[in-house]
C-alpha atoms as a PDB file:
ATOM      1  CA  MET A   1     116.570 121.651 110.742  1.00  0.00           C
ATOM      2  CA  ILE A   2     113.863 119.040 110.177  1.00  0.00           C
ATOM      3  CA  ASN A   3     110.459 119.255 111.830  1.00  0.00           C
ATOM      4  CA  ASN A   4     109.084 116.085 113.396  1.00  0.00           C
ATOM      5  CA  ALA A   5     105.522 115.315 114.400  1.00  0.00           C
ATOM      6  CA  VAL A   6     104.095 112.393 116.351  1.00  0.00           C
ATOM      7  CA  LEU A   7     100.382 111.810 115.819  1.00  0.00           C
ATOM      8  CA  VAL A   8      98.213 109.485 117.890  1.00  0.00           C
ATOM      9  CA  GLY A   9      94.670 108.752 116.829  1.00  0.00           C
ATOM     10  CA  ARG A  10      92.127 106.143 115.780  1.00  0.00           C
ATOM     11  CA  MET A  11      91.892 104.430 112.418  1.00  0.00           C
ATOM     12  CA  GLY A  12      88.826 105.736 110.612  1.00  0.00           C
ATOM     13  CA  ASN A  13      88.533 102.776 108.247  1.00  0.00           C
ATOM     14  CA  ASP A  14      89.900  99.288 107.757  1.00  0.00           C
ATOM     15  CA  PRO A  15      93.310  99.393 106.077  1.00  0.00           C
ATOM     16  CA  GLU A  16      93.418  98.869 102.303  1.00  0.00           C
ATOM     17  CA  MET A  17      96.437  96.891 101.102  1.00  0.00           C
ATOM     18  CA  ARG A  18      97.726  96.515  97.547  1.00  0.00           C
ATOM     19  CA  TYR A  19     101.041  95.837  95.840  1.00  0.00           C
ATOM     20  CA  SER A  20     103.077  98.140  93.612  1.00  0.00           C
ATOM     21  CA  GLN A  21     104.229  96.974  90.177  1.00  0.00           C
ATOM     22  CA  SER A  22     107.552  95.993  91.748  1.00  0.00           C
ATOM     23  CA  GLY A  23     105.779  93.907  94.426  1.00  0.00           C
ATOM     24  CA  THR A  24     106.145  96.309  97.366  1.00  0.00           C
ATOM     25  CA  PRO A  25     103.202  96.110  99.815  1.00  0.00           C
ATOM     26  CA  ILE A  26     101.353  99.419 100.220  1.00  0.00           C
ATOM     27  CA  THR A  27      98.642  99.997 102.835  1.00  0.00           C
ATOM     28  CA  LYS A  28      96.438 103.088 103.166  1.00  0.00           C
ATOM     29  CA  PHE A  29      94.102 104.213 105.929  1.00  0.00           C
ATOM     30  CA  ARG A  30      92.592 107.367 107.431  1.00  0.00           C
ATOM     31  CA  LEU A  31      93.662 108.544 110.880  1.00  0.00           C
ATOM     32  CA  ALA A  32      91.404 110.648 113.118  1.00  0.00           C
ATOM     33  CA  VAL A  33      93.416 112.832 115.506  1.00  0.00           C
ATOM     34  CA  THR A  34      91.330 114.670 118.108  1.00  0.00           C
ATOM     35  CA  ARG A  35      92.496 118.017 119.473  1.00  0.00           C
ATOM     36  CA  PRO A  36      91.180 119.411 122.768  1.00  0.00           C
ATOM     37  CA  ARG A  37      88.499 122.031 122.319  1.00  0.00           C
ATOM     38  CA  ARG A  38      89.306 125.691 122.472  1.00  0.00           C
ATOM     39  CA  ALA A  39      87.854 127.709 125.323  1.00  0.00           C
ATOM     40  CA  ASP A  40      85.114 129.133 123.060  1.00  0.00           C
ATOM     41  CA  ALA A  41      84.211 125.826 121.341  1.00  0.00           C
ATOM     42  CA  GLN A  42      81.535 123.340 122.381  1.00  0.00           C
ATOM     43  CA  GLU A  43      83.234 120.187 121.046  1.00  0.00           C
ATOM     44  CA  ASP A  44      86.701 118.765 120.449  1.00  0.00           C
ATOM     45  CA  GLU A  45      88.054 119.175 116.917  1.00  0.00           C
ATOM     46  CA  THR A  46      89.113 116.190 114.817  1.00  0.00           C
ATOM     47  CA  ASP A  47      91.684 116.290 112.036  1.00  0.00           C
ATOM     48  CA  TRP A  48      91.576 113.530 109.393  1.00  0.00           C
ATOM     49  CA  LEU A  49      94.848 112.462 107.802  1.00  0.00           C
ATOM     50  CA  ASN A  50      95.570 110.057 104.938  1.00  0.00           C
ATOM     51  CA  ILE A  51      98.328 107.634 105.963  1.00  0.00           C
ATOM     52  CA  VAL A  52     100.331 105.407 103.586  1.00  0.00           C
ATOM     53  CA  CYS A  53     102.651 102.604 104.788  1.00  0.00           C
ATOM     54  CA  PHE A  54     105.151 100.578 102.769  1.00  0.00           C
ATOM     55  CA  GLY A  55     106.927  97.223 103.081  1.00  0.00           C
ATOM     56  CA  LYS A  56     106.831  95.292 106.361  1.00  0.00           C
ATOM     57  CA  THR A  57     104.937  98.115 108.083  1.00  0.00           C
ATOM     58  CA  ALA A  58     102.219  97.883 105.423  1.00  0.00           C
ATOM     59  CA  GLU A  59     101.922  94.126 105.941  1.00  0.00           C
ATOM     60  CA  PHE A  60     101.728  94.514 109.743  1.00  0.00           C
ATOM     61  CA  VAL A  61      99.048  97.218 109.574  1.00  0.00           C
ATOM     62  CA  ALA A  62      96.921  95.219 107.120  1.00  0.00           C
ATOM     63  CA  GLN A  63      97.172  92.031 109.197  1.00  0.00           C
ATOM     64  CA  TYR A  64      96.758  93.276 112.764  1.00  0.00           C
ATOM     65  CA  LEU A  65      94.923  96.637 112.768  1.00  0.00           C
ATOM     66  CA  ASP A  66      91.377  97.586 111.839  1.00  0.00           C
ATOM     67  CA  LYS A  67      88.892 100.433 112.104  1.00  0.00           C
ATOM     68  CA  GLY A  68      89.008 102.001 115.573  1.00  0.00           C
ATOM     69  CA  SER A  69      92.532 100.795 116.435  1.00  0.00           C
ATOM     70  CA  LEU A  70      94.661 103.283 118.353  1.00  0.00           C
ATOM     71  CA  VAL A  71      97.671 104.141 116.174  1.00  0.00           C
ATOM     72  CA  GLY A  72     100.791 106.250 116.620  1.00  0.00           C
ATOM     73  CA  VAL A  73     102.447 107.656 113.499  1.00  0.00           C
END
């Protein structure tokens, strides 16, 4: 069985695009996913994830999204 996760959060930085040696577009960005606070906590908790996209997805992210964009992964 394979586990699946769907994460929705805000981009923490502008995407950084580069190309591999073979010419494949690669885009990286950080995603901030906020979890509701626990009963004993004062603030919500935020998890930061490093996201890497390839190919057409990488080109789309680099062209149309920027810091603060709401993203689903």
